[in-house]
Amino acid sequence: MLSYRRPRENSVMFAAHFDDGRTSYFVIQGHGPASEDFRVLSIARERQDAGELPPGEIVSIKRVR
């Protein structure tokens, strides 16, 4: 009997570091491998515009898990 397994959706947590020393964490559902991390800054800015991340200058973003 064949069983169908749904592909596992990855969620990845990132830490956004701001110029004033604050750090804010956010999760991206369905994020691909580390080679796709170049997209994260634009996603973080979109989330700032939507009010999901605090305003301010993001100086770096690191993958947490």
PDB file of N, CA and C in Angstrom:
ATOM      1  N   MET A   1       0.842  -1.171   0.000  1.00  0.00           N
ATOM      2  CA  MET A   1       0.000   0.000   0.000  1.00  0.00           C
ATOM      3  C   MET A   1       0.891   1.239   0.000  1.00  0.00           C
ATOM      4  N   LEU A   2       0.608   2.157  -0.873  1.00  0.00           N
ATOM      5  CA  LEU A   2       1.363   3.394  -0.948  1.00  0.00           C
ATOM      6  C   LEU A   2       0.760   4.418   0.005  1.00  0.00           C
ATOM      7  N   SER A   3       1.620   5.117   0.683  1.00  0.00           N
ATOM      8  CA  SER A   3       1.122   6.188   1.542  1.00  0.00           C
ATOM      9  C   SER A   3       1.643   7.513   1.009  1.00  0.00           C
ATOM     10  N   TYR A   4       0.805   8.476   1.038  1.00  0.00           N
ATOM     11  CA  TYR A   4       1.172   9.801   0.562  1.00  0.00           C
ATOM     12  C   TYR A   4       1.616  10.635   1.756  1.00  0.00           C
ATOM     13  N   ARG A   5       2.816  11.161   1.658  1.00  0.00           N
ATOM     14  CA  ARG A   5       3.326  12.048   2.714  1.00  0.00           C
ATOM     15  C   ARG A   5       3.381  13.462   2.173  1.00  0.00           C
ATOM     16  N   ARG A   6       2.749  14.335   2.887  1.00  0.00           N
ATOM     17  CA  ARG A   6       2.776  15.734   2.515  1.00  0.00           C
ATOM     18  C   ARG A   6       4.165  16.295   2.779  1.00  0.00           C
ATOM     19  N   PRO A   7       4.692  17.104   1.872  1.00  0.00           N
ATOM     20  CA  PRO A   7       6.002  17.710   2.139  1.00  0.00           C
ATOM     21  C   PRO A   7       5.934  18.563   3.402  1.00  0.00           C
ATOM     22  N   ARG A   8       6.959  18.469   4.193  1.00  0.00           N
ATOM     23  CA  ARG A   8       7.011  19.211   5.449  1.00  0.00           C
ATOM     24  C   ARG A   8       7.315  20.670   5.160  1.00  0.00           C
ATOM     25  N   GLU A   9       6.508  21.537   5.734  1.00  0.00           N
ATOM     26  CA  GLU A   9       6.726  22.962   5.552  1.00  0.00           C
ATOM     27  C   GLU A   9       7.702  23.453   6.622  1.00  0.00           C
ATOM     28  N   ASN A  10       8.755  24.078   6.193  1.00  0.00           N
ATOM     29  CA  ASN A  10       9.762  24.574   7.125  1.00  0.00           C
ATOM     30  C   ASN A  10       9.370  25.946   7.645  1.00  0.00           C
ATOM     31  N   SER A  11       9.585  26.144   8.910  1.00  0.00           N
ATOM     32  CA  SER A  11       9.472  27.481   9.477  1.00  0.00           C
ATOM     33  C   SER A  11      10.842  27.824  10.047  1.00  0.00           C
ATOM     34  N   VAL A  12      11.265  29.039   9.783  1.00  0.00           N
ATOM     35  CA  VAL A  12      12.594  29.466  10.208  1.00  0.00           C
ATOM     36  C   VAL A  12      12.452  30.744  11.023  1.00  0.00           C
ATOM     37  N   MET A  13      13.124  30.786  12.165  1.00  0.00           N
ATOM     38  CA  MET A  13      13.110  31.974  13.018  1.00  0.00           C
ATOM     39  C   MET A  13      14.335  32.824  12.718  1.00  0.00           C
ATOM     40  N   PHE A  14      14.109  34.138  12.689  1.00  0.00           N
ATOM     41  CA  PHE A  14      15.176  35.099  12.452  1.00  0.00           C
ATOM     42  C   PHE A  14      15.166  36.143  13.558  1.00  0.00           C
ATOM     43  N   ALA A  15      16.325  36.723  13.813  1.00  0.00           N
ATOM     44  CA  ALA A  15      16.462  37.831  14.753  1.00  0.00           C
ATOM     45  C   ALA A  15      16.861  39.070  13.960  1.00  0.00           C
ATOM     46  N   ALA A  16      16.055  40.121  14.069  1.00  0.00           N
ATOM     47  CA  ALA A  16      16.360  41.396  13.424  1.00  0.00           C
ATOM     48  C   ALA A  16      16.998  42.296  14.474  1.00  0.00           C
ATOM     49  N   HIS A  17      18.198  42.779  14.184  1.00  0.00           N
ATOM     50  CA  HIS A  17      18.933  43.648  15.099  1.00  0.00           C
ATOM     51  C   HIS A  17      18.823  45.088  14.590  1.00  0.00           C
ATOM     52  N   PHE A  18      18.407  45.980  15.478  1.00  0.00           N
ATOM     53  CA  PHE A  18      18.182  47.377  15.122  1.00  0.00           C
ATOM     54  C   PHE A  18      19.354  48.245  15.552  1.00  0.00           C
ATOM     55  N   ASP A  19      19.462  49.422  14.930  1.00  0.00           N
ATOM     56  CA  ASP A  19      20.601  50.309  15.211  1.00  0.00           C
ATOM     57  C   ASP A  19      20.613  50.852  16.635  1.00  0.00           C
ATOM     58  N   ASP A  20      19.475  50.813  17.327  1.00  0.00           N
ATOM     59  CA  ASP A  20      19.436  51.298  18.708  1.00  0.00           C
ATOM     60  C   ASP A  20      19.664  50.180  19.733  1.00  0.00           C
ATOM     61  N   GLY A  21      20.031  48.978  19.268  1.00  0.00           N
ATOM     62  CA  GLY A  21      20.347  47.875  20.160  1.00  0.00           C
ATOM     63  C   GLY A  21      19.223  46.885  20.397  1.00  0.00           C
ATOM     64  N   ARG A  22      18.017  47.206  19.926  1.00  0.00           N
ATOM     65  CA  ARG A  22      16.899  46.278  20.114  1.00  0.00           C
ATOM     66  C   ARG A  22      17.047  45.075  19.196  1.00  0.00           C
ATOM     67  N   THR A  23      16.414  43.974  19.594  1.00  0.00           N
ATOM     68  CA  THR A  23      16.342  42.766  18.771  1.00  0.00           C
ATOM     69  C   THR A  23      14.890  42.313  18.747  1.00  0.00           C
ATOM     70  N   SER A  24      14.423  41.971  17.574  1.00  0.00           N
ATOM     71  CA  SER A  24      13.059  41.483  17.416  1.00  0.00           C
ATOM     72  C   SER A  24      13.118  40.170  16.646  1.00  0.00           C
ATOM     73  N   TYR A  25      12.342  39.201  17.092  1.00  0.00           N
ATOM     74  CA  TYR A  25      12.335  37.884  16.466  1.00  0.00           C
ATOM     75  C   TYR A  25      11.078  37.706  15.620  1.00  0.00           C
ATOM     76  N   PHE A  26      11.225  37.019  14.491  1.00  0.00           N
ATOM     77  CA  PHE A  26      10.079  36.717  13.652  1.00  0.00           C
ATOM     78  C   PHE A  26      10.304  35.394  12.937  1.00  0.00           C
ATOM     79  N   VAL A  27       9.201  34.772  12.544  1.00  0.00           N
ATOM     80  CA  VAL A  27       9.240  33.457  11.901  1.00  0.00           C
ATOM     81  C   VAL A  27       8.701  33.593  10.488  1.00  0.00           C
ATOM     82  N   ILE A  28       9.358  32.917   9.561  1.00  0.00           N
ATOM     83  CA  ILE A  28       8.878  32.848   8.184  1.00  0.00           C
ATOM     84  C   ILE A  28       8.472  31.408   7.916  1.00  0.00           C
ATOM     85  N   GLN A  29       7.187  31.209   7.657  1.00  0.00           N
ATOM     86  CA  GLN A  29       6.672  29.885   7.345  1.00  0.00           C
ATOM     87  C   GLN A  29       7.032  29.543   5.897  1.00  0.00           C
ATOM     88  N   GLY A  30       7.392  28.308   5.657  1.00  0.00           N
ATOM     89  CA  GLY A  30       7.681  27.850   4.303  1.00  0.00           C
ATOM     90  C   GLY A  30       8.972  28.395   3.722  1.00  0.00           C
ATOM     91  N   HIS A  31       9.866  28.856   4.574  1.00  0.00           N
ATOM     92  CA  HIS A  31      11.147  29.397   4.090  1.00  0.00           C
ATOM     93  C   HIS A  31      12.030  28.255   3.607  1.00  0.00           C
ATOM     94  N   GLY A  32      12.761  28.490   2.565  1.00  0.00           N
ATOM     95  CA  GLY A  32      13.624  27.472   1.981  1.00  0.00           C
ATOM     96  C   GLY A  32      14.954  27.343   2.712  1.00  0.00           C
ATOM     97  N   PRO A  33      15.938  26.813   2.031  1.00  0.00           N
ATOM     98  CA  PRO A  33      17.264  26.618   2.639  1.00  0.00           C
ATOM     99  C   PRO A  33      17.969  27.954   2.892  1.00  0.00           C
ATOM    100  N   ALA A  34      19.093  27.878   3.568  1.00  0.00           N
ATOM    101  CA  ALA A  34      19.860  29.084   3.909  1.00  0.00           C
ATOM    102  C   ALA A  34      20.252  29.891   2.673  1.00  0.00           C
ATOM    103  N   SER A  35      20.328  29.247   1.521  1.00  0.00           N
ATOM    104  CA  SER A  35      20.676  29.974   0.295  1.00  0.00           C
ATOM    105  C   SER A  35      19.593  30.978  -0.100  1.00  0.00           C
ATOM    106  N   GLU A  36      18.405  30.887   0.488  1.00  0.00           N
ATOM    107  CA  GLU A  36      17.328  31.839   0.205  1.00  0.00           C
ATOM    108  C   GLU A  36      17.232  32.948   1.246  1.00  0.00           C
ATOM    109  N   ASP A  37      18.187  33.012   2.157  1.00  0.00           N
ATOM    110  CA  ASP A  37      18.142  34.023   3.216  1.00  0.00           C
ATOM    111  C   ASP A  37      18.317  35.445   2.693  1.00  0.00           C
ATOM    112  N   PHE A  38      18.760  35.604   1.463  1.00  0.00           N
ATOM    113  CA  PHE A  38      18.914  36.947   0.907  1.00  0.00           C
ATOM    114  C   PHE A  38      17.574  37.671   0.819  1.00  0.00           C
ATOM    115  N   ARG A  39      16.469  36.939   0.857  1.00  0.00           N
ATOM    116  CA  ARG A  39      15.126  37.536   0.777  1.00  0.00           C
ATOM    117  C   ARG A  39      14.636  38.087   2.111  1.00  0.00           C
ATOM    118  N   VAL A  40      15.293  37.741   3.195  1.00  0.00           N
ATOM    119  CA  VAL A  40      14.766  38.001   4.530  1.00  0.00           C
ATOM    120  C   VAL A  40      14.661  39.492   4.845  1.00  0.00           C
ATOM    121  N   LEU A  41      15.608  40.306   4.423  1.00  0.00           N
ATOM    122  CA  LEU A  41      15.552  41.735   4.729  1.00  0.00           C
ATOM    123  C   LEU A  41      14.311  42.373   4.112  1.00  0.00           C
ATOM    124  N   SER A  42      13.997  42.042   2.882  1.00  0.00           N
ATOM    125  CA  SER A  42      12.803  42.624   2.260  1.00  0.00           C
ATOM    126  C   SER A  42      11.530  42.133   2.947  1.00  0.00           C
ATOM    127  N   ILE A  43      11.519  40.882   3.391  1.00  0.00           N
ATOM    128  CA  ILE A  43      10.362  40.360   4.126  1.00  0.00           C
ATOM    129  C   ILE A  43      10.225  41.093   5.463  1.00  0.00           C
ATOM    130  N   ALA A  44      11.348  41.327   6.140  1.00  0.00           N
ATOM    131  CA  ALA A  44      11.317  42.045   7.417  1.00  0.00           C
ATOM    132  C   ALA A  44      10.786  43.461   7.224  1.00  0.00           C
ATOM    133  N   ARG A  45      11.167  44.127   6.159  1.00  0.00           N
ATOM    134  CA  ARG A  45      10.673  45.487   5.898  1.00  0.00           C
ATOM    135  C   ARG A  45       9.182  45.476   5.596  1.00  0.00           C
ATOM    136  N   GLU A  46       8.719  44.464   4.882  1.00  0.00           N
ATOM    137  CA  GLU A  46       7.281  44.333   4.636  1.00  0.00           C
ATOM    138  C   GLU A  46       6.535  44.152   5.949  1.00  0.00           C
ATOM    139  N   ARG A  47       7.116  43.374   6.849  1.00  0.00           N
ATOM    140  CA  ARG A  47       6.480  43.153   8.150  1.00  0.00           C
ATOM    141  C   ARG A  47       6.506  44.412   9.007  1.00  0.00           C
ATOM    142  N   GLN A  48       7.530  45.240   8.842  1.00  0.00           N
ATOM    143  CA  GLN A  48       7.539  46.534   9.531  1.00  0.00           C
ATOM    144  C   GLN A  48       6.391  47.396   9.018  1.00  0.00           C
ATOM    145  N   ASP A  49       6.205  47.432   7.709  1.00  0.00           N
ATOM    146  CA  ASP A  49       5.121  48.225   7.122  1.00  0.00           C
ATOM    147  C   ASP A  49       3.754  47.744   7.601  1.00  0.00           C
ATOM    148  N   ALA A  50       3.638  46.426   7.833  1.00  0.00           N
ATOM    149  CA  ALA A  50       2.373  45.845   8.290  1.00  0.00           C
ATOM    150  C   ALA A  50       2.203  45.967   9.810  1.00  0.00           C
ATOM    151  N   GLY A  51       3.224  46.457  10.506  1.00  0.00           N
ATOM    152  CA  GLY A  51       3.152  46.611  11.954  1.00  0.00           C
ATOM    153  C   GLY A  51       3.498  45.358  12.737  1.00  0.00           C
ATOM    154  N   GLU A  52       3.996  44.328  12.062  1.00  0.00           N
ATOM    155  CA  GLU A  52       4.355  43.082  12.737  1.00  0.00           C
ATOM    156  C   GLU A  52       5.737  43.149  13.387  1.00  0.00           C
ATOM    157  N   LEU A  53       6.580  44.022  12.892  1.00  0.00           N
ATOM    158  CA  LEU A  53       7.899  44.278  13.488  1.00  0.00           C
ATOM    159  C   LEU A  53       7.952  45.758  13.841  1.00  0.00           C
ATOM    160  N   PRO A  54       8.692  46.119  14.886  1.00  0.00           N
ATOM    161  CA  PRO A  54       8.756  47.527  15.280  1.00  0.00           C
ATOM    162  C   PRO A  54       9.478  48.372  14.233  1.00  0.00           C
ATOM    163  N   PRO A  55       9.145  49.663  14.190  1.00  0.00           N
ATOM    164  CA  PRO A  55       9.846  50.559  13.256  1.00  0.00           C
ATOM    165  C   PRO A  55      11.292  50.768  13.696  1.00  0.00           C
ATOM    166  N   GLY A  56      12.100  51.204  12.766  1.00  0.00           N
ATOM    167  CA  GLY A  56      13.501  51.491  13.068  1.00  0.00           C
ATOM    168  C   GLY A  56      14.404  50.899  12.001  1.00  0.00           C
ATOM    169  N   GLU A  57      15.653  51.304  12.062  1.00  0.00           N
ATOM    170  CA  GLU A  57      16.657  50.858  11.095  1.00  0.00           C
ATOM    171  C   GLU A  57      17.161  49.458  11.462  1.00  0.00           C
ATOM    172  N   ILE A  58      16.948  48.512  10.575  1.00  0.00           N
ATOM    173  CA  ILE A  58      17.463  47.152  10.775  1.00  0.00           C
ATOM    174  C   ILE A  58      18.893  47.125  10.264  1.00  0.00           C
ATOM    175  N   VAL A  59      19.834  46.756  11.133  1.00  0.00           N
ATOM    176  CA  VAL A  59      21.235  46.733  10.733  1.00  0.00           C
ATOM    177  C   VAL A  59      21.698  45.335  10.348  1.00  0.00           C
ATOM    178  N   SER A  60      21.063  44.291  10.897  1.00  0.00           N
ATOM    179  CA  SER A  60      21.417  42.936  10.498  1.00  0.00           C
ATOM    180  C   SER A  60      20.291  41.981  10.872  1.00  0.00           C
ATOM    181  N   ILE A  61      20.279  40.865  10.166  1.00  0.00           N
ATOM    182  CA  ILE A  61      19.313  39.802  10.445  1.00  0.00           C
ATOM    183  C   ILE A  61      20.077  38.486  10.462  1.00  0.00           C
ATOM    184  N   LYS A  62      19.823  37.695  11.484  1.00  0.00           N
ATOM    185  CA  LYS A  62      20.491  36.398  11.622  1.00  0.00           C
ATOM    186  C   LYS A  62      19.455  35.289  11.733  1.00  0.00           C
ATOM    187  N   ARG A  63      19.752  34.165  11.118  1.00  0.00           N
ATOM    188  CA  ARG A  63      18.914  32.971  11.237  1.00  0.00           C
ATOM    189  C   ARG A  63      19.130  32.390  12.639  1.00  0.00           C
ATOM    190  N   VAL A  64      18.026  32.140  13.350  1.00  0.00           N
ATOM    191  CA  VAL A  64      18.118  31.612  14.702  1.00  0.00           C
ATOM    192  C   VAL A  64      17.953  30.106  14.687  1.00  0.00           C
ATOM    193  N   ARG A  65      16.923  29.603  14.025  1.00  0.00           N
ATOM    194  CA  ARG A  65      16.715  28.164  13.897  1.00  0.00           C
ATOM    195  C   ARG A  65      15.919  27.858  12.662  1.00  0.00           C
TER     196      ARG A  65
END
